[in-house]
């Protein structure tokens, strides 16, 4: 089963996404520690990262760029999310596989995840 890592500092949103993806049949791990993302990808065999743009003062684009620069994680799809109006371009430049604006519909999120996950 494909395992998804959610890196989100909004507790309620993180839990909601985790539960909805779990109900949709995904194996999900929730993290509030963006600086551990690469380690988590490797340790837990993560197949997709759902990454917030701003997590506890850490810029998610820096986390995404690090994922892309690390050989063991460089091919892992990263779906970034943000409520910031100008975030899409910055996230894509950092190497995000795709982007979704907050707030989002869960059906839209699941559709993007299905497009990105390895078959």
PDB file of N, CA and C in Angstrom:
ATOM      1  N   UNK A   1       0.846  -1.193   0.000  1.00  0.00           N
ATOM      2  CA  UNK A   1       0.000   0.000   0.000  1.00  0.00           C
ATOM      3  C   UNK A   1       0.884   1.247   0.000  1.00  0.00           C
ATOM      4  N   UNK A   2       0.511   2.243  -0.776  1.00  0.00           N
ATOM      5  CA  UNK A   2       1.263   3.488  -0.843  1.00  0.00           C
ATOM      6  C   UNK A   2       1.115   4.278   0.447  1.00  0.00           C
ATOM      7  N   UNK A   3       2.239   4.707   1.008  1.00  0.00           N
ATOM      8  CA  UNK A   3       2.230   5.464   2.252  1.00  0.00           C
ATOM      9  C   UNK A   3       2.466   6.936   1.947  1.00  0.00           C
ATOM     10  N   UNK A   4       1.611   7.782   2.517  1.00  0.00           N
ATOM     11  CA  UNK A   4       1.668   9.221   2.313  1.00  0.00           C
ATOM     12  C   UNK A   4       2.115   9.887   3.605  1.00  0.00           C
ATOM     13  N   UNK A   5       3.066  10.811   3.498  1.00  0.00           N
ATOM     14  CA  UNK A   5       3.510  11.614   4.629  1.00  0.00           C
ATOM     15  C   UNK A   5       2.881  12.992   4.509  1.00  0.00           C
ATOM     16  N   UNK A   6       2.138  13.396   5.537  1.00  0.00           N
ATOM     17  CA  UNK A   6       1.558  14.737   5.598  1.00  0.00           C
ATOM     18  C   UNK A   6       2.434  15.561   6.533  1.00  0.00           C
ATOM     19  N   UNK A   7       2.975  16.672   6.043  1.00  0.00           N
ATOM     20  CA  UNK A   7       3.779  17.570   6.870  1.00  0.00           C
ATOM     21  C   UNK A   7       2.986  18.866   6.993  1.00  0.00           C
ATOM     22  N   UNK A   8       2.330  19.029   8.133  1.00  0.00           N
ATOM     23  CA  UNK A   8       1.361  20.121   8.343  1.00  0.00           C
ATOM     24  C   UNK A   8       1.377  20.508   9.816  1.00  0.00           C
ATOM     25  N   UNK A   9       1.466  21.815  10.106  1.00  0.00           N
ATOM     26  CA  UNK A   9       1.494  22.244  11.500  1.00  0.00           C
ATOM     27  C   UNK A   9       0.120  22.600  12.062  1.00  0.00           C
ATOM     28  N   UNK A  10      -0.880  22.747  11.233  1.00  0.00           N
ATOM     29  CA  UNK A  10      -2.243  22.987  11.714  1.00  0.00           C
ATOM     30  C   UNK A  10      -2.810  21.642  12.176  1.00  0.00           C
ATOM     31  N   UNK A  11      -2.890  21.475  13.489  1.00  0.00           N
ATOM     32  CA  UNK A  11      -3.283  20.183  14.064  1.00  0.00           C
ATOM     33  C   UNK A  11      -4.611  19.685  13.505  1.00  0.00           C
ATOM     34  N   UNK A  12      -5.630  20.535  13.523  1.00  0.00           N
ATOM     35  CA  UNK A  12      -6.956  20.104  13.070  1.00  0.00           C
ATOM     36  C   UNK A  12      -6.969  19.734  11.590  1.00  0.00           C
ATOM     37  N   UNK A  13      -6.310  20.536  10.765  1.00  0.00           N
ATOM     38  CA  UNK A  13      -6.260  20.234   9.337  1.00  0.00           C
ATOM     39  C   UNK A  13      -5.483  18.942   9.085  1.00  0.00           C
ATOM     40  N   UNK A  14      -4.373  18.783   9.779  1.00  0.00           N
ATOM     41  CA  UNK A  14      -3.580  17.569   9.621  1.00  0.00           C
ATOM     42  C   UNK A  14      -4.369  16.319   9.961  1.00  0.00           C
ATOM     43  N   UNK A  15      -5.091  16.364  11.073  1.00  0.00           N
ATOM     44  CA  UNK A  15      -5.911  15.216  11.494  1.00  0.00           C
ATOM     45  C   UNK A  15      -7.026  14.959  10.484  1.00  0.00           C
ATOM     46  N   UNK A  16      -7.665  16.029  10.002  1.00  0.00           N
ATOM     47  CA  UNK A  16      -8.751  15.863   9.035  1.00  0.00           C
ATOM     48  C   UNK A  16      -8.239  15.206   7.746  1.00  0.00           C
ATOM     49  N   UNK A  17      -7.105  15.690   7.234  1.00  0.00           N
ATOM     50  CA  UNK A  17      -6.543  15.112   6.012  1.00  0.00           C
ATOM     51  C   UNK A  17      -6.146  13.661   6.259  1.00  0.00           C
ATOM     52  N   UNK A  18      -5.509  13.411   7.390  1.00  0.00           N
ATOM     53  CA  UNK A  18      -5.088  12.048   7.734  1.00  0.00           C
ATOM     54  C   UNK A  18      -6.281  11.095   7.766  1.00  0.00           C
ATOM     55  N   UNK A  19      -7.364  11.512   8.407  1.00  0.00           N
ATOM     56  CA  UNK A  19      -8.557  10.663   8.499  1.00  0.00           C
ATOM     57  C   UNK A  19      -9.217  10.465   7.138  1.00  0.00           C
ATOM     58  N   UNK A  20      -9.344  11.534   6.361  1.00  0.00           N
ATOM     59  CA  UNK A  20      -9.995  11.415   5.055  1.00  0.00           C
ATOM     60  C   UNK A  20      -9.190  10.517   4.109  1.00  0.00           C
ATOM     61  N   UNK A  21      -7.877  10.659   4.117  1.00  0.00           N
ATOM     62  CA  UNK A  21      -7.055   9.801   3.264  1.00  0.00           C
ATOM     63  C   UNK A  21      -7.077   8.365   3.767  1.00  0.00           C
ATOM     64  N   UNK A  22      -7.122   8.198   5.080  1.00  0.00           N
ATOM     65  CA  UNK A  22      -7.246   6.851   5.650  1.00  0.00           C
ATOM     66  C   UNK A  22      -8.545   6.195   5.233  1.00  0.00           C
ATOM     67  N   UNK A  23      -9.636   6.946   5.282  1.00  0.00           N
ATOM     68  CA  UNK A  23     -10.939   6.418   4.847  1.00  0.00           C
ATOM     69  C   UNK A  23     -10.931   6.088   3.358  1.00  0.00           C
ATOM     70  N   UNK A  24     -10.073   6.765   2.605  1.00  0.00           N
ATOM     71  CA  UNK A  24      -9.976   6.521   1.161  1.00  0.00           C
ATOM     72  C   UNK A  24      -9.024   5.376   0.830  1.00  0.00           C
ATOM     73  N   UNK A  25      -8.496   4.734   1.858  1.00  0.00           N
ATOM     74  CA  UNK A  25      -7.673   3.548   1.651  1.00  0.00           C
ATOM     75  C   UNK A  25      -6.172   3.770   1.647  1.00  0.00           C
ATOM     76  N   UNK A  26      -5.734   4.968   1.997  1.00  0.00           N
ATOM     77  CA  UNK A  26      -4.300   5.246   2.026  1.00  0.00           C
ATOM     78  C   UNK A  26      -3.724   4.997   3.412  1.00  0.00           C
ATOM     79  N   UNK A  27      -2.464   4.590   3.443  1.00  0.00           N
ATOM     80  CA  UNK A  27      -1.700   4.469   4.673  1.00  0.00           C
ATOM     81  C   UNK A  27      -1.054   5.837   4.877  1.00  0.00           C
ATOM     82  N   UNK A  28      -1.329   6.493   6.003  1.00  0.00           N
ATOM     83  CA  UNK A  28      -0.938   7.885   6.182  1.00  0.00           C
ATOM     84  C   UNK A  28      -0.120   8.068   7.458  1.00  0.00           C
ATOM     85  N   UNK A  29       0.880   8.923   7.362  1.00  0.00           N
ATOM     86  CA  UNK A  29       1.696   9.310   8.511  1.00  0.00           C
ATOM     87  C   UNK A  29       1.661  10.830   8.597  1.00  0.00           C
ATOM     88  N   UNK A  30       1.420  11.366   9.794  1.00  0.00           N
ATOM     89  CA  UNK A  30       1.341  12.810  10.005  1.00  0.00           C
ATOM     90  C   UNK A  30       2.578  13.272  10.760  1.00  0.00           C
ATOM     91  N   UNK A  31       3.204  14.340  10.274  1.00  0.00           N
ATOM     92  CA  UNK A  31       4.388  14.896  10.927  1.00  0.00           C
ATOM     93  C   UNK A  31       4.226  16.400  11.081  1.00  0.00           C
ATOM     94  N   UNK A  32       4.729  16.906  12.179  1.00  0.00           N
ATOM     95  CA  UNK A  32       4.781  18.348  12.402  1.00  0.00           C
ATOM     96  C   UNK A  32       6.236  18.815  12.467  1.00  0.00           C
ATOM     97  N   UNK A  33       7.142  17.965  11.964  1.00  0.00           N
ATOM     98  CA  UNK A  33       8.577  18.254  12.021  1.00  0.00           C
ATOM     99  C   UNK A  33       9.151  18.297  10.601  1.00  0.00           C
ATOM    100  N   UNK A  34       9.079  19.448   9.957  1.00  0.00           N
ATOM    101  CA  UNK A  34       9.515  19.539   8.562  1.00  0.00           C
ATOM    102  C   UNK A  34      10.989  19.204   8.354  1.00  0.00           C
ATOM    103  N   UNK A  35      11.818  19.459   9.354  1.00  0.00           N
ATOM    104  CA  UNK A  35      13.243  19.200   9.186  1.00  0.00           C
ATOM    105  C   UNK A  35      13.567  17.708   9.194  1.00  0.00           C
ATOM    106  N   UNK A  36      12.605  16.861   9.575  1.00  0.00           N
ATOM    107  CA  UNK A  36      12.790  15.406   9.568  1.00  0.00           C
ATOM    108  C   UNK A  36      12.218  14.752   8.312  1.00  0.00           C
ATOM    109  N   UNK A  37      11.755  15.529   7.358  1.00  0.00           N
ATOM    110  CA  UNK A  37      11.029  14.980   6.217  1.00  0.00           C
ATOM    111  C   UNK A  37      11.857  13.974   5.417  1.00  0.00           C
ATOM    112  N   UNK A  38      13.083  14.314   5.066  1.00  0.00           N
ATOM    113  CA  UNK A  38      13.905  13.373   4.288  1.00  0.00           C
ATOM    114  C   UNK A  38      14.099  12.067   5.042  1.00  0.00           C
ATOM    115  N   UNK A  39      14.423  12.168   6.320  1.00  0.00           N
ATOM    116  CA  UNK A  39      14.611  10.975   7.148  1.00  0.00           C
ATOM    117  C   UNK A  39      13.326  10.149   7.189  1.00  0.00           C
ATOM    118  N   UNK A  40      12.187  10.814   7.346  1.00  0.00           N
ATOM    119  CA  UNK A  40      10.900  10.104   7.388  1.00  0.00           C
ATOM    120  C   UNK A  40      10.610   9.389   6.069  1.00  0.00           C
ATOM    121  N   UNK A  41      10.921  10.030   4.943  1.00  0.00           N
ATOM    122  CA  UNK A  41      10.681   9.416   3.632  1.00  0.00           C
ATOM    123  C   UNK A  41      11.438   8.093   3.530  1.00  0.00           C
ATOM    124  N   UNK A  42      12.695   8.123   3.921  1.00  0.00           N
ATOM    125  CA  UNK A  42      13.539   6.930   3.822  1.00  0.00           C
ATOM    126  C   UNK A  42      13.126   5.877   4.844  1.00  0.00           C
ATOM    127  N   UNK A  43      12.983   6.282   6.091  1.00  0.00           N
ATOM    128  CA  UNK A  43      12.702   5.348   7.190  1.00  0.00           C
ATOM    129  C   UNK A  43      11.361   4.649   7.035  1.00  0.00           C
ATOM    130  N   UNK A  44      10.365   5.356   6.527  1.00  0.00           N
ATOM    131  CA  UNK A  44       8.997   4.827   6.479  1.00  0.00           C
ATOM    132  C   UNK A  44       8.539   4.462   5.065  1.00  0.00           C
ATOM    133  N   UNK A  45       9.441   4.452   4.100  1.00  0.00           N
ATOM    134  CA  UNK A  45       9.133   4.085   2.717  1.00  0.00           C
ATOM    135  C   UNK A  45       7.952   4.891   2.169  1.00  0.00           C
ATOM    136  N   UNK A  46       8.050   6.203   2.313  1.00  0.00           N
ATOM    137  CA  UNK A  46       7.001   7.126   1.887  1.00  0.00           C
ATOM    138  C   UNK A  46       6.971   7.201   0.359  1.00  0.00           C
ATOM    139  N   UNK A  47       5.762   7.146  -0.203  1.00  0.00           N
ATOM    140  CA  UNK A  47       5.592   7.198  -1.659  1.00  0.00           C
ATOM    141  C   UNK A  47       5.132   8.559  -2.159  1.00  0.00           C
ATOM    142  N   UNK A  48       4.638   9.423  -1.245  1.00  0.00           N
ATOM    143  CA  UNK A  48       4.207  10.774  -1.620  1.00  0.00           C
ATOM    144  C   UNK A  48       4.236  11.642  -0.373  1.00  0.00           C
ATOM    145  N   UNK A  49       4.671  12.893  -0.533  1.00  0.00           N
ATOM    146  CA  UNK A  49       4.688  13.854   0.569  1.00  0.00           C
ATOM    147  C   UNK A  49       3.681  14.954   0.266  1.00  0.00           C
ATOM    148  N   UNK A  50       2.798  15.208   1.227  1.00  0.00           N
ATOM    149  CA  UNK A  50       1.877  16.341   1.179  1.00  0.00           C
ATOM    150  C   UNK A  50       2.466  17.378   2.130  1.00  0.00           C
ATOM    151  N   UNK A  51       2.994  18.459   1.585  1.00  0.00           N
ATOM    152  CA  UNK A  51       3.842  19.391   2.322  1.00  0.00           C
ATOM    153  C   UNK A  51       3.262  20.794   2.336  1.00  0.00           C
ATOM    154  N   UNK A  52       3.081  21.336   3.544  1.00  0.00           N
ATOM    155  CA  UNK A  52       2.615  22.706   3.689  1.00  0.00           C
ATOM    156  C   UNK A  52       3.750  23.672   3.342  1.00  0.00           C
ATOM    157  N   UNK A  53       3.402  24.834   2.834  1.00  0.00           N
ATOM    158  CA  UNK A  53       4.394  25.841   2.439  1.00  0.00           C
ATOM    159  C   UNK A  53       5.092  26.447   3.649  1.00  0.00           C
ATOM    160  N   UNK A  54       4.373  26.630   4.749  1.00  0.00           N
ATOM    161  CA  UNK A  54       4.950  27.258   5.936  1.00  0.00           C
ATOM    162  C   UNK A  54       4.596  26.424   7.156  1.00  0.00           C
ATOM    163  N   UNK A  55       5.626  25.837   7.786  1.00  0.00           N
ATOM    164  CA  UNK A  55       5.411  24.948   8.922  1.00  0.00           C
ATOM    165  C   UNK A  55       6.308  25.407  10.061  1.00  0.00           C
ATOM    166  N   UNK A  56       5.708  25.949  11.119  1.00  0.00           N
ATOM    167  CA  UNK A  56       6.470  26.394  12.296  1.00  0.00           C
ATOM    168  C   UNK A  56       7.660  27.270  11.915  1.00  0.00           C
ATOM    169  N   UNK A  57       7.456  28.192  11.007  1.00  0.00           N
ATOM    170  CA  UNK A  57       8.510  29.109  10.617  1.00  0.00           C
ATOM    171  C   UNK A  57       9.504  28.551   9.611  1.00  0.00           C
ATOM    172  N   UNK A  58       9.335  27.296   9.213  1.00  0.00           N
ATOM    173  CA  UNK A  58      10.199  26.680   8.203  1.00  0.00           C
ATOM    174  C   UNK A  58       9.502  26.806   6.852  1.00  0.00           C
ATOM    175  N   UNK A  59      10.227  27.265   5.852  1.00  0.00           N
ATOM    176  CA  UNK A  59       9.659  27.399   4.512  1.00  0.00           C
ATOM    177  C   UNK A  59       9.636  26.029   3.843  1.00  0.00           C
ATOM    178  N   UNK A  60       8.450  25.569   3.505  1.00  0.00           N
ATOM    179  CA  UNK A  60       8.292  24.266   2.866  1.00  0.00           C
ATOM    180  C   UNK A  60       9.020  24.157   1.540  1.00  0.00           C
ATOM    181  N   UNK A  61       9.263  25.299   0.875  1.00  0.00           N
ATOM    182  CA  UNK A  61      10.010  25.231  -0.384  1.00  0.00           C
ATOM    183  C   UNK A  61      11.457  24.807  -0.133  1.00  0.00           C
ATOM    184  N   UNK A  62      12.016  25.182   1.021  1.00  0.00           N
ATOM    185  CA  UNK A  62      13.364  24.729   1.381  1.00  0.00           C
ATOM    186  C   UNK A  62      13.365  23.225   1.638  1.00  0.00           C
ATOM    187  N   UNK A  63      12.325  22.739   2.297  1.00  0.00           N
ATOM    188  CA  UNK A  63      12.192  21.302   2.558  1.00  0.00           C
ATOM    189  C   UNK A  63      12.066  20.552   1.233  1.00  0.00           C
ATOM    190  N   UNK A  64      11.248  21.077   0.333  1.00  0.00           N
ATOM    191  CA  UNK A  64      11.058  20.454  -0.979  1.00  0.00           C
ATOM    192  C   UNK A  64      12.370  20.424  -1.763  1.00  0.00           C
ATOM    193  N   UNK A  65      13.096  21.528  -1.752  1.00  0.00           N
ATOM    194  CA  UNK A  65      14.376  21.585  -2.464  1.00  0.00           C
ATOM    195  C   UNK A  65      15.356  20.556  -1.905  1.00  0.00           C
ATOM    196  N   UNK A  66      15.350  20.374  -0.595  1.00  0.00           N
ATOM    197  CA  UNK A  66      16.232  19.376   0.025  1.00  0.00           C
ATOM    198  C   UNK A  66      15.829  17.963  -0.394  1.00  0.00           C
ATOM    199  N   UNK A  67      14.527  17.713  -0.475  1.00  0.00           N
ATOM    200  CA  UNK A  67      14.044  16.407  -0.946  1.00  0.00           C
ATOM    201  C   UNK A  67      14.588  16.151  -2.346  1.00  0.00           C
ATOM    202  N   UNK A  68      14.516  17.153  -3.207  1.00  0.00           N
ATOM    203  CA  UNK A  68      14.951  17.014  -4.595  1.00  0.00           C
ATOM    204  C   UNK A  68      16.467  16.823  -4.717  1.00  0.00           C
ATOM    205  N   UNK A  69      17.231  17.408  -3.796  1.00  0.00           N
ATOM    206  CA  UNK A  69      18.694  17.342  -3.871  1.00  0.00           C
ATOM    207  C   UNK A  69      19.272  16.078  -3.240  1.00  0.00           C
ATOM    208  N   UNK A  70      18.452  15.321  -2.514  1.00  0.00           N
ATOM    209  CA  UNK A  70      18.918  14.111  -1.838  1.00  0.00           C
ATOM    210  C   UNK A  70      18.633  12.910  -2.725  1.00  0.00           C
ATOM    211  N   UNK A  71      19.663  12.160  -3.059  1.00  0.00           N
ATOM    212  CA  UNK A  71      19.517  11.043  -4.008  1.00  0.00           C
ATOM    213  C   UNK A  71      18.421  10.059  -3.596  1.00  0.00           C
ATOM    214  N   UNK A  72      18.354   9.716  -2.320  1.00  0.00           N
ATOM    215  CA  UNK A  72      17.403   8.699  -1.861  1.00  0.00           C
ATOM    216  C   UNK A  72      15.956   9.175  -1.875  1.00  0.00           C
ATOM    217  N   UNK A  73      15.733  10.489  -1.961  1.00  0.00           N
ATOM    218  CA  UNK A  73      14.368  11.021  -1.905  1.00  0.00           C
ATOM    219  C   UNK A  73      13.981  11.821  -3.146  1.00  0.00           C
ATOM    220  N   UNK A  74      14.903  12.025  -4.048  1.00  0.00           N
ATOM    221  CA  UNK A  74      14.703  12.962  -5.160  1.00  0.00           C
ATOM    222  C   UNK A  74      13.529  12.626  -6.072  1.00  0.00           C
ATOM    223  N   UNK A  75      13.158  11.371  -6.163  1.00  0.00           N
ATOM    224  CA  UNK A  75      12.064  10.968  -7.062  1.00  0.00           C
ATOM    225  C   UNK A  75      10.709  10.892  -6.350  1.00  0.00           C
ATOM    226  N   UNK A  76      10.681  11.141  -5.039  1.00  0.00           N
ATOM    227  CA  UNK A  76       9.431  11.086  -4.283  1.00  0.00           C
ATOM    228  C   UNK A  76       8.535  12.253  -4.688  1.00  0.00           C
ATOM    229  N   UNK A  77       7.296  11.991  -5.114  1.00  0.00           N
ATOM    230  CA  UNK A  77       6.389  13.089  -5.454  1.00  0.00           C
ATOM    231  C   UNK A  77       6.098  13.970  -4.235  1.00  0.00           C
ATOM    232  N   UNK A  78       6.094  15.275  -4.454  1.00  0.00           N
ATOM    233  CA  UNK A  78       5.794  16.240  -3.397  1.00  0.00           C
ATOM    234  C   UNK A  78       4.632  17.103  -3.864  1.00  0.00           C
ATOM    235  N   UNK A  79       3.525  17.010  -3.142  1.00  0.00           N
ATOM    236  CA  UNK A  79       2.350  17.842  -3.398  1.00  0.00           C
ATOM    237  C   UNK A  79       2.346  18.923  -2.331  1.00  0.00           C
ATOM    238  N   UNK A  80       2.616  20.159  -2.739  1.00  0.00           N
ATOM    239  CA  UNK A  80       2.656  21.252  -1.770  1.00  0.00           C
ATOM    240  C   UNK A  80       1.302  21.940  -1.687  1.00  0.00           C
ATOM    241  N   UNK A  81       1.058  22.542  -0.510  1.00  0.00           N
ATOM    242  CA  UNK A  81      -0.217  23.221  -0.277  1.00  0.00           C
ATOM    243  C   UNK A  81       0.025  24.509   0.497  1.00  0.00           C
ATOM    244  N   UNK A  82      -0.834  25.499   0.243  1.00  0.00           N
ATOM    245  CA  UNK A  82      -0.721  26.771   0.940  1.00  0.00           C
ATOM    246  C   UNK A  82      -1.964  27.613   0.708  1.00  0.00           C
ATOM    247  N   UNK A  83      -2.208  28.507   1.662  1.00  0.00           N
ATOM    248  CA  UNK A  83      -3.272  29.495   1.512  1.00  0.00           C
ATOM    249  C   UNK A  83      -2.711  30.817   0.982  1.00  0.00           C
ATOM    250  N   UNK A  84      -1.394  30.914   0.873  1.00  0.00           N
ATOM    251  CA  UNK A  84      -0.770  32.141   0.387  1.00  0.00           C
ATOM    252  C   UNK A  84      -1.028  32.309  -1.107  1.00  0.00           C
ATOM    253  N   UNK A  85      -1.371  33.520  -1.505  1.00  0.00           N
ATOM    254  CA  UNK A  85      -1.795  33.753  -2.889  1.00  0.00           C
ATOM    255  C   UNK A  85      -0.679  33.560  -3.914  1.00  0.00           C
ATOM    256  N   UNK A  86       0.558  33.804  -3.551  1.00  0.00           N
ATOM    257  CA  UNK A  86       1.656  33.709  -4.521  1.00  0.00           C
ATOM    258  C   UNK A  86       2.483  32.437  -4.351  1.00  0.00           C
ATOM    259  N   UNK A  87       1.986  31.471  -3.635  1.00  0.00           N
ATOM    260  CA  UNK A  87       2.790  30.304  -3.259  1.00  0.00           C
ATOM    261  C   UNK A  87       3.019  29.315  -4.400  1.00  0.00           C
ATOM    262  N   UNK A  88       2.066  29.170  -5.294  1.00  0.00           N
ATOM    263  CA  UNK A  88       2.172  28.139  -6.335  1.00  0.00           C
ATOM    264  C   UNK A  88       3.494  28.230  -7.108  1.00  0.00           C
ATOM    265  N   UNK A  89       3.808  29.393  -7.610  1.00  0.00           N
ATOM    266  CA  UNK A  89       5.016  29.558  -8.427  1.00  0.00           C
ATOM    267  C   UNK A  89       6.273  29.207  -7.633  1.00  0.00           C
ATOM    268  N   UNK A  90       6.360  29.684  -6.388  1.00  0.00           N
ATOM    269  CA  UNK A  90       7.530  29.394  -5.558  1.00  0.00           C
ATOM    270  C   UNK A  90       7.660  27.906  -5.263  1.00  0.00           C
ATOM    271  N   UNK A  91       6.538  27.259  -5.009  1.00  0.00           N
ATOM    272  CA  UNK A  91       6.552  25.821  -4.717  1.00  0.00           C
ATOM    273  C   UNK A  91       6.997  25.019  -5.935  1.00  0.00           C
ATOM    274  N   UNK A  92       6.502  25.376  -7.088  1.00  0.00           N
ATOM    275  CA  UNK A  92       6.866  24.654  -8.309  1.00  0.00           C
ATOM    276  C   UNK A  92       8.350  24.877  -8.648  1.00  0.00           C
ATOM    277  N   UNK A  93       8.848  26.091  -8.428  1.00  0.00           N
ATOM    278  CA  UNK A  93      10.267  26.372  -8.669  1.00  0.00           C
ATOM    279  C   UNK A  93      11.158  25.559  -7.735  1.00  0.00           C
ATOM    280  N   UNK A  94      10.661  25.271  -6.533  1.00  0.00           N
ATOM    281  CA  UNK A  94      11.438  24.502  -5.550  1.00  0.00           C
ATOM    282  C   UNK A  94      11.459  23.014  -5.876  1.00  0.00           C
ATOM    283  N   UNK A  95      10.630  22.603  -6.844  1.00  0.00           N
ATOM    284  CA  UNK A  95      10.632  21.200  -7.242  1.00  0.00           C
ATOM    285  C   UNK A  95       9.381  20.429  -6.894  1.00  0.00           C
ATOM    286  N   UNK A  96       8.341  21.121  -6.446  1.00  0.00           N
ATOM    287  CA  UNK A  96       7.086  20.426  -6.136  1.00  0.00           C
ATOM    288  C   UNK A  96       6.546  19.741  -7.387  1.00  0.00           C
ATOM    289  N   UNK A  97       5.974  18.571  -7.194  1.00  0.00           N
ATOM    290  CA  UNK A  97       5.365  17.830  -8.304  1.00  0.00           C
ATOM    291  C   UNK A  97       4.040  18.449  -8.704  1.00  0.00           C
ATOM    292  N   UNK A  98       3.349  19.024  -7.712  1.00  0.00           N
ATOM    293  CA  UNK A  98       2.068  19.690  -7.953  1.00  0.00           C
ATOM    294  C   UNK A  98       1.786  20.578  -6.754  1.00  0.00           C
ATOM    295  N   UNK A  99       0.708  21.351  -6.844  1.00  0.00           N
ATOM    296  CA  UNK A  99       0.344  22.313  -5.805  1.00  0.00           C
ATOM    297  C   UNK A  99      -1.170  22.330  -5.678  1.00  0.00           C
ATOM    298  N   UNK A 100      -1.646  22.528  -4.441  1.00  0.00           N
ATOM    299  CA  UNK A 100      -3.072  22.715  -4.209  1.00  0.00           C
ATOM    300  C   UNK A 100      -3.249  23.888  -3.243  1.00  0.00           C
ATOM    301  N   UNK A 101      -4.184  24.775  -3.566  1.00  0.00           N
ATOM    302  CA  UNK A 101      -4.456  25.941  -2.728  1.00  0.00           C
ATOM    303  C   UNK A 101      -5.396  25.578  -1.593  1.00  0.00           C
ATOM    304  N   UNK A 102      -5.103  26.130  -0.411  1.00  0.00           N
ATOM    305  CA  UNK A 102      -5.996  25.983   0.739  1.00  0.00           C
ATOM    306  C   UNK A 102      -6.977  27.141   0.705  1.00  0.00           C
ATOM    307  N   UNK A 103      -8.197  26.958   1.106  1.00  0.00           N
ATOM    308  CA  UNK A 103      -8.815  25.665   1.430  1.00  0.00           C
ATOM    309  C   UNK A 103      -9.070  24.879   0.147  1.00  0.00           C
ATOM    310  N   UNK A 104      -9.105  23.565   0.283  1.00  0.00           N
ATOM    311  CA  UNK A 104      -9.332  22.713  -0.880  1.00  0.00           C
ATOM    312  C   UNK A 104     -10.419  21.696  -0.573  1.00  0.00           C
ATOM    313  N   UNK A 105     -10.995  21.187  -1.629  1.00  0.00           N
ATOM    314  CA  UNK A 105     -11.987  20.122  -1.523  1.00  0.00           C
ATOM    315  C   UNK A 105     -11.229  18.802  -1.444  1.00  0.00           C
ATOM    316  N   UNK A 106     -11.645  17.909  -0.559  1.00  0.00           N
ATOM    317  CA  UNK A 106     -10.951  16.629  -0.396  1.00  0.00           C
ATOM    318  C   UNK A 106     -10.934  15.827  -1.696  1.00  0.00           C
ATOM    319  N   UNK A 107     -11.988  15.921  -2.488  1.00  0.00           N
ATOM    320  CA  UNK A 107     -12.022  15.192  -3.763  1.00  0.00           C
ATOM    321  C   UNK A 107     -10.920  15.695  -4.692  1.00  0.00           C
ATOM    322  N   UNK A 108     -10.664  17.007  -4.680  1.00  0.00           N
ATOM    323  CA  UNK A 108      -9.585  17.570  -5.499  1.00  0.00           C
ATOM    324  C   UNK A 108      -8.222  17.090  -5.002  1.00  0.00           C
ATOM    325  N   UNK A 109      -8.059  17.045  -3.682  1.00  0.00           N
ATOM    326  CA  UNK A 109      -6.803  16.561  -3.113  1.00  0.00           C
ATOM    327  C   UNK A 109      -6.564  15.104  -3.497  1.00  0.00           C
ATOM    328  N   UNK A 110      -7.567  14.285  -3.342  1.00  0.00           N
ATOM    329  CA  UNK A 110      -7.432  12.861  -3.671  1.00  0.00           C
ATOM    330  C   UNK A 110      -7.136  12.675  -5.161  1.00  0.00           C
ATOM    331  N   UNK A 111      -7.765  13.473  -6.016  1.00  0.00           N
ATOM    332  CA  UNK A 111      -7.500  13.381  -7.461  1.00  0.00           C
ATOM    333  C   UNK A 111      -6.040  13.707  -7.765  1.00  0.00           C
ATOM    334  N   UNK A 112      -5.496  14.741  -7.117  1.00  0.00           N
ATOM    335  CA  UNK A 112      -4.092  15.093  -7.331  1.00  0.00           C
ATOM    336  C   UNK A 112      -3.171  13.988  -6.818  1.00  0.00           C
ATOM    337  N   UNK A 113      -3.500  13.428  -5.664  1.00  0.00           N
ATOM    338  CA  UNK A 113      -2.698  12.335  -5.102  1.00  0.00           C
ATOM    339  C   UNK A 113      -2.699  11.143  -6.047  1.00  0.00           C
ATOM    340  N   UNK A 114      -3.861  10.794  -6.570  1.00  0.00           N
ATOM    341  CA  UNK A 114      -3.957   9.651  -7.485  1.00  0.00           C
ATOM    342  C   UNK A 114      -3.128   9.870  -8.750  1.00  0.00           C
ATOM    343  N   UNK A 115      -3.035  11.112  -9.211  1.00  0.00           N
ATOM    344  CA  UNK A 115      -2.219  11.413 -10.393  1.00  0.00           C
ATOM    345  C   UNK A 115      -0.727  11.271 -10.110  1.00  0.00           C
ATOM    346  N   UNK A 116      -0.330  11.550  -8.867  1.00  0.00           N
ATOM    347  CA  UNK A 116       1.093  11.573  -8.530  1.00  0.00           C
ATOM    348  C   UNK A 116       1.655  10.248  -8.032  1.00  0.00           C
ATOM    349  N   UNK A 117       0.811   9.425  -7.435  1.00  0.00           N
ATOM    350  CA  UNK A 117       1.319   8.177  -6.860  1.00  0.00           C
ATOM    351  C   UNK A 117       1.754   7.204  -7.938  1.00  0.00           C
ATOM    352  N   UNK A 118       2.853   6.498  -7.675  1.00  0.00           N
ATOM    353  CA  UNK A 118       3.291   5.490  -8.649  1.00  0.00           C
ATOM    354  C   UNK A 118       2.243   4.402  -8.815  1.00  0.00           C
ATOM    355  N   UNK A 119       2.059   3.961 -10.034  1.00  0.00           N
ATOM    356  CA  UNK A 119       1.060   2.917 -10.320  1.00  0.00           C
ATOM    357  C   UNK A 119       1.622   1.550 -10.023  1.00  0.00           C
TER     358      UNK A 119
END
